[in-house]
């Protein structure tokens, strides 16, 4: 008799749990992606990043996941100024999508962040050299060569940029 009551309670608890979980409103991948794009258009970038994280957690295999992961990395770098997480997300892009063009862009951005934001020039050099090794004929190759040539220098020290960065000489 006690055993039956226990089974009845467990069954009731499981039924309530299933009903509760199934009543939750789960947005589809397309709905979340549309919401992300809308939030970006409205310049609600913090909210867009939260939604991007939700999208990537729930739909890691979606056709927009690679672009979403790259956008998340960009958001960490440009919106949050959280360069450590930006680099982590760019590395995920390279790891998860090595054959997509976004992988080379992510590799470039890792070097760029180290060189221009956090001033860790050894890490920047390593990232740029890895870019040169992996993506020899890439459209960003010239930019990487430029970054390597002037790594650690102030813009005012680069003669090729004189007149461009400060056209009035002020």
N, C-alpha and C. Protein backbone atom coordinates (compact mmCIF):
# COMPACT_ATOMS: atom_id res chain seq x y z
N UNK A 1 0.83 -1.19 0.00
CA UNK A 1 0.00 0.00 0.00
C UNK A 1 0.87 1.25 0.00
N UNK A 2 1.90 1.28 0.89
CA UNK A 2 2.79 2.43 0.94
C UNK A 2 3.56 2.57 -0.37
N UNK A 3 3.94 1.43 -0.95
CA UNK A 3 4.68 1.44 -2.20
C UNK A 3 3.82 2.06 -3.31
N UNK A 4 2.56 1.70 -3.35
CA UNK A 4 1.65 2.24 -4.36
C UNK A 4 1.50 3.74 -4.22
N UNK A 5 1.38 4.23 -2.96
CA UNK A 5 1.26 5.67 -2.74
C UNK A 5 2.52 6.39 -3.20
N UNK A 6 3.68 5.78 -2.95
CA UNK A 6 4.95 6.38 -3.38
C UNK A 6 5.01 6.47 -4.90
N UNK A 7 4.61 5.38 -5.58
CA UNK A 7 4.61 5.40 -7.04
C UNK A 7 3.63 6.44 -7.58
N UNK A 8 2.49 6.54 -6.90
CA UNK A 8 1.48 7.52 -7.31
C UNK A 8 2.04 8.94 -7.19
N UNK A 9 2.73 9.22 -6.08
CA UNK A 9 3.32 10.55 -5.87
C UNK A 9 4.40 10.84 -6.91
N UNK A 10 5.23 9.83 -7.19
CA UNK A 10 6.29 10.01 -8.19
C UNK A 10 5.67 10.26 -9.56
N UNK A 11 4.64 9.49 -9.90
CA UNK A 11 3.96 9.67 -11.19
C UNK A 11 3.35 11.05 -11.30
N UNK A 12 2.71 11.51 -10.23
CA UNK A 12 2.10 12.84 -10.22
C UNK A 12 3.16 13.92 -10.38
N UNK A 13 4.26 13.76 -9.68
CA UNK A 13 5.36 14.71 -9.75
C UNK A 13 5.94 14.77 -11.17
N UNK A 14 6.13 13.61 -11.79
CA UNK A 14 6.65 13.57 -13.16
C UNK A 14 5.68 14.23 -14.14
N UNK A 15 4.39 13.98 -13.97
CA UNK A 15 3.38 14.58 -14.84
C UNK A 15 3.41 16.10 -14.73
N UNK A 16 3.47 16.60 -13.51
CA UNK A 16 3.51 18.05 -13.29
C UNK A 16 4.77 18.64 -13.92
N UNK A 17 5.90 17.95 -13.77
CA UNK A 17 7.16 18.43 -14.34
C UNK A 17 7.07 18.49 -15.86
N UNK A 18 6.55 17.45 -16.48
CA UNK A 18 6.42 17.42 -17.94
C UNK A 18 5.51 18.54 -18.42
N UNK A 19 4.41 18.75 -17.75
CA UNK A 19 3.48 19.82 -18.13
C UNK A 19 4.16 21.17 -17.98
N UNK A 20 4.86 21.38 -16.88
CA UNK A 20 5.55 22.65 -16.63
C UNK A 20 6.60 22.93 -17.70
N UNK A 21 7.40 21.93 -18.02
CA UNK A 21 8.47 22.10 -19.01
C UNK A 21 7.88 22.33 -20.40
N UNK A 22 6.83 21.59 -20.75
CA UNK A 22 6.27 21.73 -22.09
C UNK A 22 5.52 23.04 -22.28
N UNK A 23 5.14 23.69 -21.21
CA UNK A 23 4.44 24.97 -21.32
C UNK A 23 5.41 26.13 -21.52
N UNK A 24 6.69 25.89 -21.31
CA UNK A 24 7.68 26.95 -21.50
C UNK A 24 7.71 27.39 -22.96
N UNK A 25 7.92 28.67 -23.17
CA UNK A 25 7.94 29.18 -24.54
C UNK A 25 9.37 29.14 -25.06
N UNK A 26 9.66 28.19 -25.91
CA UNK A 26 10.97 28.09 -26.52
C UNK A 26 10.88 28.69 -27.91
N UNK A 27 11.72 29.68 -28.14
CA UNK A 27 11.74 30.30 -29.46
C UNK A 27 12.52 29.43 -30.43
N UNK A 28 12.07 29.39 -31.65
CA UNK A 28 12.77 28.62 -32.67
C UNK A 28 14.06 29.33 -33.05
N UNK A 29 14.92 28.62 -33.76
CA UNK A 29 16.18 29.22 -34.22
C UNK A 29 15.91 30.43 -35.10
N UNK A 30 14.94 30.31 -36.01
CA UNK A 30 14.62 31.43 -36.90
C UNK A 30 14.08 32.63 -36.13
N UNK A 31 13.25 32.36 -35.12
CA UNK A 31 12.72 33.46 -34.30
C UNK A 31 13.83 34.17 -33.55
N UNK A 32 14.74 33.41 -32.98
CA UNK A 32 15.86 34.02 -32.25
C UNK A 32 16.77 34.80 -33.20
N UNK A 33 17.04 34.23 -34.38
CA UNK A 33 17.92 34.92 -35.34
C UNK A 33 17.29 36.24 -35.78
N UNK A 34 16.00 36.22 -36.04
CA UNK A 34 15.29 37.45 -36.42
C UNK A 34 15.34 38.46 -35.28
N UNK A 35 15.15 37.98 -34.07
CA UNK A 35 15.20 38.86 -32.89
C UNK A 35 16.59 39.49 -32.76
N UNK A 36 17.64 38.70 -32.97
CA UNK A 36 19.02 39.21 -32.90
C UNK A 36 19.21 40.34 -33.91
N UNK A 37 18.80 40.09 -35.13
CA UNK A 37 18.95 41.10 -36.20
C UNK A 37 18.14 42.36 -35.89
N UNK A 38 16.96 42.19 -35.36
CA UNK A 38 16.12 43.33 -34.99
C UNK A 38 16.77 44.14 -33.89
N UNK A 39 17.27 43.46 -32.87
CA UNK A 39 17.93 44.15 -31.76
C UNK A 39 19.17 44.90 -32.24
N UNK A 40 19.91 44.30 -33.15
CA UNK A 40 21.08 44.99 -33.70
C UNK A 40 20.64 46.26 -34.44
N UNK A 41 19.59 46.14 -35.23
CA UNK A 41 19.08 47.29 -35.97
C UNK A 41 18.60 48.40 -35.06
N UNK A 42 18.11 48.03 -33.90
CA UNK A 42 17.65 49.01 -32.91
C UNK A 42 18.78 49.47 -32.00
N UNK A 43 19.98 48.99 -32.27
CA UNK A 43 21.18 49.31 -31.49
C UNK A 43 21.04 48.91 -30.01
N UNK A 44 20.28 47.85 -29.77
CA UNK A 44 20.18 47.26 -28.44
C UNK A 44 21.19 46.12 -28.38
N UNK A 45 22.47 46.51 -28.39
CA UNK A 45 23.54 45.55 -28.60
C UNK A 45 23.76 44.61 -27.42
N UNK A 46 23.60 45.10 -26.21
CA UNK A 46 23.74 44.21 -25.05
C UNK A 46 22.68 43.11 -25.08
N UNK A 47 21.46 43.50 -25.39
CA UNK A 47 20.36 42.53 -25.46
C UNK A 47 20.57 41.57 -26.63
N UNK A 48 21.12 42.08 -27.73
CA UNK A 48 21.42 41.23 -28.88
C UNK A 48 22.46 40.17 -28.51
N UNK A 49 23.45 40.56 -27.71
CA UNK A 49 24.49 39.61 -27.29
C UNK A 49 23.91 38.51 -26.41
N UNK A 50 23.02 38.88 -25.50
CA UNK A 50 22.38 37.88 -24.64
C UNK A 50 21.56 36.91 -25.49
N UNK A 51 20.85 37.44 -26.47
CA UNK A 51 20.05 36.61 -27.36
C UNK A 51 20.94 35.73 -28.23
N UNK A 52 22.07 36.26 -28.66
CA UNK A 52 23.04 35.46 -29.43
C UNK A 52 23.54 34.28 -28.61
N UNK A 53 23.86 34.53 -27.36
CA UNK A 53 24.32 33.44 -26.48
C UNK A 53 23.24 32.37 -26.35
N UNK A 54 22.00 32.80 -26.18
CA UNK A 54 20.87 31.86 -26.08
C UNK A 54 20.74 31.06 -27.38
N UNK A 55 20.83 31.76 -28.51
CA UNK A 55 20.74 31.12 -29.82
C UNK A 55 21.82 30.04 -29.96
N UNK A 56 23.06 30.39 -29.63
CA UNK A 56 24.17 29.45 -29.78
C UNK A 56 24.09 28.28 -28.80
N UNK A 57 23.57 28.54 -27.60
CA UNK A 57 23.38 27.45 -26.62
C UNK A 57 22.32 26.47 -27.09
N UNK A 58 21.23 27.00 -27.65
CA UNK A 58 20.10 26.16 -28.03
C UNK A 58 20.20 25.56 -29.43
N UNK A 59 20.91 26.24 -30.33
CA UNK A 59 20.96 25.80 -31.73
C UNK A 59 22.39 25.85 -32.28
N UNK A 60 23.31 25.10 -31.67
CA UNK A 60 24.71 25.16 -32.10
C UNK A 60 24.96 24.63 -33.51
N UNK A 61 24.03 23.87 -34.05
CA UNK A 61 24.20 23.29 -35.39
C UNK A 61 23.42 24.06 -36.45
N UNK A 62 22.78 25.15 -36.08
CA UNK A 62 21.97 25.91 -37.03
C UNK A 62 22.85 26.49 -38.13
N UNK A 63 22.24 26.73 -39.29
CA UNK A 63 22.98 27.28 -40.43
C UNK A 63 23.57 28.66 -40.14
N UNK A 64 23.03 29.38 -39.17
CA UNK A 64 23.54 30.70 -38.81
C UNK A 64 24.50 30.68 -37.62
N UNK A 65 24.81 29.50 -37.12
CA UNK A 65 25.64 29.40 -35.92
C UNK A 65 27.05 29.96 -36.13
N UNK A 66 27.66 29.71 -37.27
CA UNK A 66 29.02 30.22 -37.51
C UNK A 66 29.03 31.75 -37.50
N UNK A 67 28.10 32.33 -38.24
CA UNK A 67 28.00 33.79 -38.26
C UNK A 67 27.66 34.32 -36.87
N UNK A 68 26.78 33.62 -36.17
CA UNK A 68 26.41 34.03 -34.82
C UNK A 68 27.58 34.00 -33.86
N UNK A 69 28.40 32.96 -33.96
CA UNK A 69 29.58 32.84 -33.09
C UNK A 69 30.55 33.98 -33.38
N UNK A 70 30.74 34.31 -34.66
CA UNK A 70 31.63 35.42 -35.03
C UNK A 70 31.06 36.75 -34.53
N UNK A 71 29.75 36.92 -34.66
CA UNK A 71 29.10 38.14 -34.17
C UNK A 71 29.24 38.26 -32.66
N UNK A 72 29.15 37.14 -31.96
CA UNK A 72 29.31 37.15 -30.51
C UNK A 72 30.73 37.61 -30.15
N UNK A 73 31.72 37.08 -30.85
CA UNK A 73 33.11 37.50 -30.61
C UNK A 73 33.27 38.99 -30.87
N UNK A 74 32.71 39.46 -31.98
CA UNK A 74 32.76 40.90 -32.29
C UNK A 74 32.08 41.72 -31.20
N UNK A 75 30.97 41.22 -30.70
CA UNK A 75 30.25 41.93 -29.64
C UNK A 75 31.07 42.03 -28.37
N UNK A 76 31.72 40.93 -28.01
CA UNK A 76 32.60 40.99 -26.84
C UNK A 76 33.70 42.02 -27.04
N UNK A 77 34.27 42.07 -28.24
CA UNK A 77 35.38 43.00 -28.50
C UNK A 77 34.90 44.44 -28.57
N UNK A 78 33.85 44.69 -29.33
CA UNK A 78 33.47 46.06 -29.65
C UNK A 78 32.41 46.67 -28.75
N UNK A 79 31.54 45.86 -28.18
CA UNK A 79 30.49 46.37 -27.31
C UNK A 79 30.92 46.27 -25.85
N UNK A 80 31.33 45.09 -25.46
CA UNK A 80 31.68 44.84 -24.05
C UNK A 80 33.11 45.23 -23.71
N UNK A 81 33.97 45.34 -24.72
CA UNK A 81 35.42 45.57 -24.50
C UNK A 81 35.99 44.44 -23.64
N UNK A 82 35.43 43.27 -23.78
CA UNK A 82 35.86 42.06 -23.06
C UNK A 82 36.72 41.25 -24.03
N UNK A 83 37.99 41.62 -24.09
CA UNK A 83 38.88 41.07 -25.10
C UNK A 83 39.21 39.60 -24.86
N UNK A 84 39.25 39.18 -23.61
CA UNK A 84 39.54 37.77 -23.32
C UNK A 84 38.44 36.87 -23.88
N UNK A 85 37.18 37.24 -23.64
CA UNK A 85 36.08 36.44 -24.18
C UNK A 85 35.99 36.57 -25.69
N UNK A 86 36.34 37.72 -26.23
CA UNK A 86 36.35 37.88 -27.69
C UNK A 86 37.33 36.90 -28.31
N UNK A 87 38.54 36.84 -27.77
CA UNK A 87 39.55 35.91 -28.29
C UNK A 87 39.07 34.47 -28.16
N UNK A 88 38.46 34.14 -27.03
CA UNK A 88 37.93 32.79 -26.82
C UNK A 88 36.91 32.45 -27.90
N UNK A 89 36.00 33.37 -28.18
CA UNK A 89 34.97 33.10 -29.19
C UNK A 89 35.55 33.05 -30.60
N UNK A 90 36.52 33.90 -30.90
CA UNK A 90 37.18 33.81 -32.21
C UNK A 90 37.87 32.46 -32.36
N UNK A 91 38.50 31.99 -31.30
CA UNK A 91 39.14 30.67 -31.35
C UNK A 91 38.10 29.56 -31.59
N UNK A 92 36.93 29.72 -31.02
CA UNK A 92 35.85 28.73 -31.26
C UNK A 92 35.43 28.74 -32.72
N UNK A 93 35.37 29.91 -33.32
CA UNK A 93 35.03 30.00 -34.75
C UNK A 93 36.04 29.18 -35.55
N UNK A 94 37.32 29.37 -35.26
CA UNK A 94 38.37 28.66 -35.98
C UNK A 94 38.26 27.15 -35.75
N UNK A 95 38.01 26.75 -34.52
CA UNK A 95 37.91 25.34 -34.17
C UNK A 95 36.68 24.67 -34.79
N UNK A 96 35.53 25.33 -34.70
CA UNK A 96 34.28 24.74 -35.15
C UNK A 96 34.04 24.86 -36.65
N UNK A 97 34.59 25.90 -37.26
CA UNK A 97 34.32 26.17 -38.67
C UNK A 97 35.61 26.46 -39.44
N UNK A 98 36.58 25.54 -39.41
CA UNK A 98 37.90 25.81 -39.98
C UNK A 98 37.89 26.05 -41.49
N UNK A 99 36.88 25.55 -42.18
CA UNK A 99 36.85 25.67 -43.64
C UNK A 99 36.05 26.87 -44.14
N UNK A 100 35.44 27.60 -43.24
CA UNK A 100 34.66 28.77 -43.65
C UNK A 100 35.55 30.01 -43.68
N UNK A 101 35.23 30.98 -44.53
CA UNK A 101 36.00 32.23 -44.58
C UNK A 101 36.06 32.95 -43.23
N UNK A 102 35.07 32.73 -42.38
CA UNK A 102 35.08 33.37 -41.06
C UNK A 102 36.26 32.93 -40.21
N UNK A 103 36.80 31.75 -40.48
CA UNK A 103 37.94 31.26 -39.69
C UNK A 103 39.16 32.15 -39.90
N UNK A 104 39.44 32.54 -41.13
CA UNK A 104 40.60 33.41 -41.38
C UNK A 104 40.37 34.79 -40.78
N UNK A 105 39.15 35.28 -40.86
CA UNK A 105 38.84 36.58 -40.26
C UNK A 105 39.01 36.52 -38.74
N UNK A 106 38.58 35.41 -38.15
CA UNK A 106 38.72 35.23 -36.71
C UNK A 106 40.20 35.19 -36.32
N UNK A 107 41.01 34.50 -37.10
CA UNK A 107 42.45 34.43 -36.82
C UNK A 107 43.07 35.83 -36.89
N UNK A 108 42.66 36.60 -37.90
CA UNK A 108 43.15 37.98 -38.01
C UNK A 108 42.74 38.79 -36.78
N UNK A 109 41.49 38.65 -36.38
CA UNK A 109 40.98 39.44 -35.25
C UNK A 109 41.69 39.11 -33.94
N UNK A 110 42.10 37.87 -33.77
CA UNK A 110 42.86 37.51 -32.57
C UNK A 110 44.15 38.31 -32.53
N UNK A 111 44.87 38.32 -33.64
CA UNK A 111 46.09 39.11 -33.70
C UNK A 111 45.83 40.59 -33.51
N UNK A 112 44.77 41.07 -34.13
CA UNK A 112 44.44 42.50 -34.06
C UNK A 112 44.12 42.92 -32.62
N UNK A 113 43.37 42.11 -31.92
CA UNK A 113 43.04 42.42 -30.52
C UNK A 113 44.31 42.46 -29.68
N UNK A 114 45.14 41.43 -29.82
CA UNK A 114 46.38 41.41 -29.05
C UNK A 114 47.28 42.60 -29.38
N UNK A 115 47.34 42.98 -30.64
CA UNK A 115 48.23 44.08 -31.05
C UNK A 115 47.69 45.45 -30.69
N UNK A 116 46.41 45.67 -30.91
CA UNK A 116 45.88 47.03 -30.85
C UNK A 116 45.06 47.36 -29.62
N UNK A 117 44.59 46.36 -28.91
CA UNK A 117 43.78 46.64 -27.73
C UNK A 117 44.49 46.27 -26.42
N UNK A 118 45.02 45.07 -26.35
CA UNK A 118 45.62 44.64 -25.09
C UNK A 118 47.14 44.76 -25.09
N UNK A 119 47.71 45.12 -26.22
CA UNK A 119 49.15 45.40 -26.35
C UNK A 119 50.02 44.23 -25.90
N UNK A 120 49.57 43.02 -26.22
CA UNK A 120 50.37 41.82 -25.96
C UNK A 120 50.99 41.42 -27.30
N UNK A 121 52.13 42.02 -27.59
CA UNK A 121 52.72 41.93 -28.92
C UNK A 121 53.24 40.54 -29.26
N UNK A 122 53.73 39.79 -28.29
CA UNK A 122 54.18 38.43 -28.57
C UNK A 122 53.01 37.55 -29.01
N UNK A 123 51.88 37.70 -28.33
CA UNK A 123 50.69 36.93 -28.71
C UNK A 123 50.16 37.40 -30.06
N UNK A 124 50.24 38.71 -30.31
CA UNK A 124 49.80 39.23 -31.61
C UNK A 124 50.67 38.65 -32.72
N UNK A 125 51.98 38.68 -32.53
CA UNK A 125 52.90 38.15 -33.53
C UNK A 125 52.59 36.67 -33.80
N UNK A 126 52.39 35.90 -32.74
CA UNK A 126 52.10 34.47 -32.90
C UNK A 126 50.80 34.27 -33.68
N UNK A 127 49.78 35.06 -33.38
CA UNK A 127 48.50 34.94 -34.08
C UNK A 127 48.64 35.32 -35.55
N UNK A 128 49.37 36.39 -35.82
CA UNK A 128 49.58 36.81 -37.21
C UNK A 128 50.42 35.81 -37.99
N UNK A 129 51.45 35.26 -37.36
CA UNK A 129 52.27 34.25 -38.04
C UNK A 129 51.46 32.99 -38.33
N UNK A 130 50.58 32.63 -37.40
CA UNK A 130 49.69 31.49 -37.63
C UNK A 130 48.76 31.78 -38.81
N UNK A 131 48.29 33.03 -38.88
CA UNK A 131 47.46 33.43 -40.02
C UNK A 131 48.23 33.22 -41.32
N UNK A 132 49.46 33.72 -41.37
CA UNK A 132 50.27 33.62 -42.58
C UNK A 132 50.51 32.16 -42.97
N UNK A 133 50.66 31.31 -41.98
CA UNK A 133 50.89 29.89 -42.25
C UNK A 133 49.63 29.21 -42.80
N UNK A 134 48.49 29.50 -42.20
CA UNK A 134 47.23 28.83 -42.56
C UNK A 134 46.54 29.42 -43.79
N UNK A 135 46.65 30.73 -43.96
CA UNK A 135 45.82 31.42 -44.96
C UNK A 135 46.70 32.26 -45.90
N UNK A 136 47.62 31.61 -46.58
CA UNK A 136 48.62 32.29 -47.41
C UNK A 136 48.03 33.23 -48.46
N UNK A 137 47.03 32.82 -49.17
CA UNK A 137 46.48 33.61 -50.28
C UNK A 137 45.20 34.35 -49.91
N UNK A 138 45.07 34.71 -48.67
CA UNK A 138 43.86 35.35 -48.18
C UNK A 138 43.88 36.85 -48.46
N UNK A 139 42.70 37.43 -48.61
CA UNK A 139 42.59 38.87 -48.87
C UNK A 139 43.11 39.71 -47.70
N UNK A 140 43.21 39.14 -46.52
CA UNK A 140 43.73 39.87 -45.36
C UNK A 140 45.25 39.75 -45.21
N UNK A 141 45.89 39.04 -46.12
CA UNK A 141 47.34 38.81 -46.01
C UNK A 141 48.14 40.10 -45.99
N UNK A 142 47.75 41.08 -46.80
CA UNK A 142 48.46 42.36 -46.81
C UNK A 142 48.30 43.08 -45.47
N UNK A 143 47.11 43.03 -44.92
CA UNK A 143 46.87 43.67 -43.63
C UNK A 143 47.71 43.00 -42.54
N UNK A 144 47.82 41.68 -42.60
CA UNK A 144 48.63 40.95 -41.63
C UNK A 144 50.10 41.34 -41.77
N UNK A 145 50.59 41.42 -43.00
CA UNK A 145 51.99 41.82 -43.23
C UNK A 145 52.24 43.22 -42.69
N UNK A 146 51.30 44.13 -42.91
CA UNK A 146 51.41 45.50 -42.39
C UNK A 146 51.45 45.49 -40.86
N UNK A 147 50.53 44.76 -40.26
CA UNK A 147 50.47 44.67 -38.80
C UNK A 147 51.78 44.12 -38.23
N UNK A 148 52.31 43.10 -38.86
CA UNK A 148 53.58 42.52 -38.39
C UNK A 148 54.73 43.51 -38.54
N UNK A 149 54.75 44.22 -39.66
CA UNK A 149 55.84 45.17 -39.91
C UNK A 149 55.87 46.29 -38.88
N UNK A 150 54.70 46.73 -38.46
CA UNK A 150 54.62 47.89 -37.56
C UNK A 150 54.12 47.52 -36.16
N UNK A 151 54.22 46.26 -35.82
CA UNK A 151 53.74 45.78 -34.53
C UNK A 151 54.38 46.53 -33.38
N UNK A 152 53.55 47.11 -32.53
CA UNK A 152 54.03 47.82 -31.35
C UNK A 152 54.36 49.28 -31.58
N UNK A 153 54.27 49.74 -32.81
CA UNK A 153 54.59 51.14 -33.10
C UNK A 153 53.34 52.00 -33.01
N UNK A 154 53.54 53.22 -32.58
CA UNK A 154 52.47 54.20 -32.54
C UNK A 154 52.17 54.65 -33.98
N UNK A 155 50.95 55.02 -34.25
CA UNK A 155 50.58 55.46 -35.60
C UNK A 155 51.45 56.61 -36.08
N UNK A 156 51.86 57.48 -35.18
CA UNK A 156 52.70 58.62 -35.56
C UNK A 156 54.09 58.19 -36.02
N UNK A 157 54.50 56.99 -35.65
CA UNK A 157 55.82 56.48 -36.02
C UNK A 157 55.83 55.83 -37.40
N UNK A 158 54.68 55.64 -38.00
CA UNK A 158 54.58 54.95 -39.28
C UNK A 158 54.53 55.99 -40.39
N UNK A 159 55.64 56.13 -41.11
CA UNK A 159 55.75 57.19 -42.13
C UNK A 159 54.73 57.02 -43.24
N UNK A 160 54.35 55.79 -43.57
CA UNK A 160 53.35 55.56 -44.62
C UNK A 160 51.99 56.14 -44.27
N UNK A 161 51.77 56.38 -43.00
CA UNK A 161 50.48 56.90 -42.57
C UNK A 161 50.49 58.41 -42.33
N UNK A 162 51.63 59.03 -42.44
CA UNK A 162 51.71 60.48 -42.23
C UNK A 162 50.79 61.17 -43.24
N UNK A 163 50.04 62.11 -42.77
CA UNK A 163 49.10 62.81 -43.63
C UNK A 163 47.75 62.13 -43.74
N UNK A 164 47.72 60.82 -43.49
CA UNK A 164 46.45 60.09 -43.53
C UNK A 164 45.79 60.15 -42.16
N UNK A 165 46.57 59.87 -41.12
CA UNK A 165 46.00 59.84 -39.77
C UNK A 165 45.82 61.24 -39.21
N UNK A 166 46.61 62.20 -39.69
CA UNK A 166 46.54 63.57 -39.20
C UNK A 166 46.79 64.52 -40.37
N UNK A 167 45.82 64.66 -41.29
CA UNK A 167 46.04 65.39 -42.53
C UNK A 167 46.40 66.86 -42.34
N UNK A 168 46.00 67.47 -41.26
CA UNK A 168 46.29 68.89 -41.05
C UNK A 168 47.61 69.10 -40.33
N UNK A 169 48.26 68.03 -39.95
CA UNK A 169 49.52 68.13 -39.24
C UNK A 169 49.35 68.66 -37.83
N UNK A 170 48.15 68.59 -37.31
CA UNK A 170 47.86 69.11 -35.97
C UNK A 170 47.99 68.00 -34.96
